[in-house]
Amino acid sequence: MAKIQVILTQDVAGQGRKGDIVTVADGYAHNFLIKNNKGIIATPEELKKIENKKKKEAKKQEEEKIKSQELKKVLEAKKVEIAVKTGENGKLFGAITNKEVAVALEETFGVKIDRKKIECNIKSLGEHIAVIKLHTDVKAEVKIIAKAQ
């Protein structure tokens, strides 16, 4: 039974993920993977294409990481003030949400950050830290000051 190498163009259960190079039986490759557009035969040209694609992707990721680190420095340099409604003994009505933090960051820095990337748990007045995921490897800790209106 002959074995050949195939580059997967989609995730295939039991074989691997998109972009992986797998060695499979000749019949399986031709009758299933290639026929159903789930893979292509690993020729030297195709391997070069994949290598170039991976290099471009790695370069793009590195550029994004550098931009994220620069943004982190900017965000961590200032404190962000958010005015909130409070009850009698300085208790907040509810909490400051990540959506409110996103709006405050946009007003303060002019930077639009997705609220899903912001982690905060602010339920009292004073200074708090909100963690913002800018990149898989870069997290900024922004000082948030909750003050009474």
C-alpha atoms as a PDB file:
ATOM      1  CA  MET A   1       0.000   0.000   0.000  1.00  0.00           C
ATOM      2  CA  ALA A   2       1.578   3.240  -1.174  1.00  0.00           C
ATOM      3  CA  LYS A   3       1.687   6.270   1.093  1.00  0.00           C
ATOM      4  CA  ILE A   4       1.787   9.852  -0.114  1.00  0.00           C
ATOM      5  CA  GLN A   5       2.089  13.236   1.543  1.00  0.00           C
ATOM      6  CA  VAL A   6      -0.898  15.556   1.407  1.00  0.00           C
ATOM      7  CA  ILE A   7      -1.266  19.180   2.508  1.00  0.00           C
ATOM      8  CA  LEU A   8      -4.632  19.647   4.202  1.00  0.00           C
ATOM      9  CA  THR A   9      -6.709  22.576   2.927  1.00  0.00           C
ATOM     10  CA  GLN A  10      -9.313  22.113   5.691  1.00  0.00           C
ATOM     11  CA  ASP A  11      -9.394  20.599   9.172  1.00  0.00           C
ATOM     12  CA  VAL A  12      -9.918  16.844   8.817  1.00  0.00           C
ATOM     13  CA  ALA A  13     -11.019  14.802  11.844  1.00  0.00           C
ATOM     14  CA  GLY A  14      -8.413  12.205  12.757  1.00  0.00           C
ATOM     15  CA  GLN A  15      -5.828  13.612  10.337  1.00  0.00           C
ATOM     16  CA  GLY A  16      -4.941  17.183  11.264  1.00  0.00           C
ATOM     17  CA  ARG A  17      -5.619  20.863  10.893  1.00  0.00           C
ATOM     18  CA  LYS A  18      -5.601  23.124   7.838  1.00  0.00           C
ATOM     19  CA  GLY A  19      -2.049  23.593   6.543  1.00  0.00           C
ATOM     20  CA  ASP A  20      -0.699  20.401   8.119  1.00  0.00           C
ATOM     21  CA  ILE A  21       1.293  17.986   5.980  1.00  0.00           C
ATOM     22  CA  VAL A  22       0.147  14.417   6.594  1.00  0.00           C
ATOM     23  CA  THR A  23       1.191  11.047   5.183  1.00  0.00           C
ATOM     24  CA  VAL A  24      -1.826   8.974   4.183  1.00  0.00           C
ATOM     25  CA  ALA A  25      -2.675   5.988   2.025  1.00  0.00           C
ATOM     26  CA  ASP A  26      -2.715   6.677  -1.699  1.00  0.00           C
ATOM     27  CA  GLY A  27      -6.374   5.656  -2.091  1.00  0.00           C
ATOM     28  CA  TYR A  28      -7.549   7.756   0.879  1.00  0.00           C
ATOM     29  CA  ALA A  29      -5.710  10.774  -0.529  1.00  0.00           C
ATOM     30  CA  HIS A  30      -7.162  10.485  -4.033  1.00  0.00           C
ATOM     31  CA  ASN A  31     -10.633   9.153  -3.235  1.00  0.00           C
ATOM     32  CA  PHE A  32     -11.431  11.333  -0.224  1.00  0.00           C
ATOM     33  CA  LEU A  33      -9.072  14.222   0.528  1.00  0.00           C
ATOM     34  CA  ILE A  34      -8.400  15.485  -2.992  1.00  0.00           C
ATOM     35  CA  LYS A  35     -11.840  14.558  -4.373  1.00  0.00           C
ATOM     36  CA  ASN A  36     -13.578  16.540  -1.583  1.00  0.00           C
ATOM     37  CA  ASN A  37     -11.156  19.509  -1.743  1.00  0.00           C
ATOM     38  CA  LYS A  38      -9.828  18.715   1.735  1.00  0.00           C
ATOM     39  CA  GLY A  39      -6.225  18.343   0.605  1.00  0.00           C
ATOM     40  CA  ILE A  40      -3.690  18.684  -2.191  1.00  0.00           C
ATOM     41  CA  ILE A  41      -0.678  16.519  -3.023  1.00  0.00           C
ATOM     42  CA  ALA A  42       2.467  17.855  -1.340  1.00  0.00           C
ATOM     43  CA  THR A  43       4.589  18.784  -4.350  1.00  0.00           C
ATOM     44  CA  PRO A  44       7.749  20.888  -3.887  1.00  0.00           C
ATOM     45  CA  GLU A  45       5.914  23.913  -5.402  1.00  0.00           C
ATOM     46  CA  GLU A  46       2.985  23.564  -2.978  1.00  0.00           C
ATOM     47  CA  LEU A  47       5.373  23.157  -0.031  1.00  0.00           C
ATOM     48  CA  LYS A  48       7.146  26.397  -1.070  1.00  0.00           C
ATOM     49  CA  LYS A  49       3.799  28.218  -1.294  1.00  0.00           C
ATOM     50  CA  ILE A  50       2.879  27.075   2.218  1.00  0.00           C
ATOM     51  CA  GLU A  51       6.299  28.062   3.570  1.00  0.00           C
ATOM     52  CA  ASN A  52       5.949  31.551   2.065  1.00  0.00           C
ATOM     53  CA  LYS A  53       2.422  31.877   3.455  1.00  0.00           C
ATOM     54  CA  LYS A  54       3.659  30.921   6.941  1.00  0.00           C
ATOM     55  CA  LYS A  55       6.495  33.475   6.714  1.00  0.00           C
ATOM     56  CA  LYS A  56       4.061  36.232   5.718  1.00  0.00           C
ATOM     57  CA  GLU A  57       1.706  35.257   8.540  1.00  0.00           C
ATOM     58  CA  ALA A  58       4.547  35.256  11.093  1.00  0.00           C
ATOM     59  CA  LYS A  59       5.713  38.686   9.890  1.00  0.00           C
ATOM     60  CA  LYS A  60       2.159  40.049  10.128  1.00  0.00           C
ATOM     61  CA  GLN A  61       1.791  38.640  13.671  1.00  0.00           C
ATOM     62  CA  GLU A  62       5.103  40.249  14.692  1.00  0.00           C
ATOM     63  CA  GLU A  63       4.007  43.640  13.305  1.00  0.00           C
ATOM     64  CA  GLU A  64       0.698  43.397  15.186  1.00  0.00           C
ATOM     65  CA  LYS A  65       2.563  42.522  18.383  1.00  0.00           C
ATOM     66  CA  ILE A  66       4.851  45.569  18.018  1.00  0.00           C
ATOM     67  CA  LYS A  67       1.830  47.852  17.420  1.00  0.00           C
ATOM     68  CA  SER A  68       0.133  46.350  20.475  1.00  0.00           C
ATOM     69  CA  GLN A  69       3.205  46.991  22.639  1.00  0.00           C
ATOM     70  CA  GLU A  70       3.303  50.640  21.508  1.00  0.00           C
ATOM     71  CA  LEU A  71      -0.415  51.029  22.267  1.00  0.00           C
ATOM     72  CA  LYS A  72       0.163  49.409  25.673  1.00  0.00           C
ATOM     73  CA  LYS A  73       2.740  52.106  26.552  1.00  0.00           C
ATOM     74  CA  VAL A  74       0.277  54.847  25.553  1.00  0.00           C
ATOM     75  CA  LEU A  75      -2.630  53.315  27.511  1.00  0.00           C
ATOM     76  CA  GLU A  76      -0.601  52.690  30.659  1.00  0.00           C
ATOM     77  CA  ALA A  77       0.841  56.234  30.696  1.00  0.00           C
ATOM     78  CA  LYS A  78      -2.443  57.940  31.682  1.00  0.00           C
ATOM     79  CA  LYS A  79      -5.270  57.364  34.122  1.00  0.00           C
ATOM     80  CA  VAL A  80      -8.840  57.256  32.852  1.00  0.00           C
ATOM     81  CA  GLU A  81     -11.570  58.887  34.908  1.00  0.00           C
ATOM     82  CA  ILE A  82     -15.136  57.648  34.773  1.00  0.00           C
ATOM     83  CA  ALA A  83     -17.917  59.590  36.517  1.00  0.00           C
ATOM     84  CA  VAL A  84     -20.522  57.287  38.062  1.00  0.00           C
ATOM     85  CA  LYS A  85     -23.757  57.657  39.968  1.00  0.00           C
ATOM     86  CA  THR A  86     -23.435  56.724  43.609  1.00  0.00           C
ATOM     87  CA  GLY A  87     -25.808  56.094  46.456  1.00  0.00           C
ATOM     88  CA  GLU A  88     -25.397  57.399  49.980  1.00  0.00           C
ATOM     89  CA  ASN A  89     -22.207  55.855  51.442  1.00  0.00           C
ATOM     90  CA  GLY A  90     -20.264  56.105  48.158  1.00  0.00           C
ATOM     91  CA  LYS A  91     -21.657  52.835  46.786  1.00  0.00           C
ATOM     92  CA  LEU A  92     -22.065  52.561  43.025  1.00  0.00           C
ATOM     93  CA  PHE A  93     -25.385  51.840  41.401  1.00  0.00           C
ATOM     94  CA  GLY A  94     -24.405  48.572  39.713  1.00  0.00           C
ATOM     95  CA  ALA A  95     -20.842  48.429  38.428  1.00  0.00           C
ATOM     96  CA  ILE A  96     -18.689  50.024  35.764  1.00  0.00           C
ATOM     97  CA  THR A  97     -18.953  47.718  32.753  1.00  0.00           C
ATOM     98  CA  ASN A  98     -16.340  46.926  30.149  1.00  0.00           C
ATOM     99  CA  LYS A  99     -18.525  48.817  27.652  1.00  0.00           C
ATOM    100  CA  GLU A 100     -18.246  51.999  29.753  1.00  0.00           C
ATOM    101  CA  VAL A 101     -14.475  51.492  30.006  1.00  0.00           C
ATOM    102  CA  ALA A 102     -14.285  51.103  26.193  1.00  0.00           C
ATOM    103  CA  VAL A 103     -16.171  54.389  25.713  1.00  0.00           C
ATOM    104  CA  ALA A 104     -13.925  56.168  28.236  1.00  0.00           C
ATOM    105  CA  LEU A 105     -10.774  54.846  26.511  1.00  0.00           C
ATOM    106  CA  GLU A 106     -12.057  56.067  23.151  1.00  0.00           C
ATOM    107  CA  GLU A 107     -12.791  59.538  24.606  1.00  0.00           C
ATOM    108  CA  THR A 108      -9.435  59.748  26.427  1.00  0.00           C
ATOM    109  CA  PHE A 109      -7.059  58.228  23.855  1.00  0.00           C
ATOM    110  CA  GLY A 110      -9.073  58.246  20.627  1.00  0.00           C
ATOM    111  CA  VAL A 111      -8.511  54.480  20.409  1.00  0.00           C
ATOM    112  CA  LYS A 112     -11.390  52.127  19.691  1.00  0.00           C
ATOM    113  CA  ILE A 113     -11.042  48.899  21.688  1.00  0.00           C
ATOM    114  CA  ASP A 114     -13.508  46.024  21.529  1.00  0.00           C
ATOM    115  CA  ARG A 115     -15.312  45.708  24.866  1.00  0.00           C
ATOM    116  CA  LYS A 116     -14.834  41.923  24.774  1.00  0.00           C
ATOM    117  CA  LYS A 117     -11.082  42.460  25.155  1.00  0.00           C
ATOM    118  CA  ILE A 118     -11.502  44.422  28.392  1.00  0.00           C
ATOM    119  CA  GLU A 119     -11.590  42.718  31.793  1.00  0.00           C
ATOM    120  CA  CYS A 120     -12.725  44.867  34.685  1.00  0.00           C
ATOM    121  CA  ASN A 121     -14.629  44.425  37.923  1.00  0.00           C
ATOM    122  CA  ILE A 122     -15.261  47.896  39.303  1.00  0.00           C
ATOM    123  CA  LYS A 123     -17.912  48.115  41.983  1.00  0.00           C
ATOM    124  CA  SER A 124     -16.606  50.924  44.204  1.00  0.00           C
ATOM    125  CA  LEU A 125     -15.158  54.423  43.974  1.00  0.00           C
ATOM    126  CA  GLY A 126     -11.413  54.926  43.737  1.00  0.00           C
ATOM    127  CA  GLU A 127      -8.600  53.622  41.578  1.00  0.00           C
ATOM    128  CA  HIS A 128      -8.920  50.264  39.839  1.00  0.00           C
ATOM    129  CA  ILE A 129      -7.068  48.308  37.154  1.00  0.00           C
ATOM    130  CA  ALA A 130      -8.704  47.194  33.895  1.00  0.00           C
ATOM    131  CA  VAL A 131      -6.819  44.555  31.899  1.00  0.00           C
ATOM    132  CA  ILE A 132      -7.011  44.958  28.132  1.00  0.00           C
ATOM    133  CA  LYS A 133      -5.972  42.128  25.806  1.00  0.00           C
ATOM    134  CA  LEU A 134      -4.320  43.905  22.878  1.00  0.00           C
ATOM    135  CA  HIS A 135      -2.647  40.801  21.400  1.00  0.00           C
ATOM    136  CA  THR A 136      -2.221  37.164  22.405  1.00  0.00           C
ATOM    137  CA  ASP A 137       1.067  38.094  24.128  1.00  0.00           C
ATOM    138  CA  VAL A 138       0.346  41.723  25.098  1.00  0.00           C
ATOM    139  CA  LYS A 139      -1.933  42.844  27.921  1.00  0.00           C
ATOM    140  CA  ALA A 140      -2.204  46.444  29.079  1.00  0.00           C
ATOM    141  CA  GLU A 141      -3.174  47.361  32.628  1.00  0.00           C
ATOM    142  CA  VAL A 142      -5.015  50.673  32.525  1.00  0.00           C
ATOM    143  CA  LYS A 143      -5.700  52.643  35.706  1.00  0.00           C
ATOM    144  CA  ILE A 144      -9.393  53.533  35.959  1.00  0.00           C
ATOM    145  CA  ILE A 145     -10.527  56.097  38.505  1.00  0.00           C
ATOM    146  CA  ALA A 146     -14.173  55.832  39.488  1.00  0.00           C
ATOM    147  CA  LYS A 147     -15.388  59.169  40.812  1.00  0.00           C
ATOM    148  CA  ALA A 148     -18.810  60.344  41.933  1.00  0.00           C
ATOM    149  CA  GLN A 149     -20.797  62.550  39.566  1.00  0.00           C
END
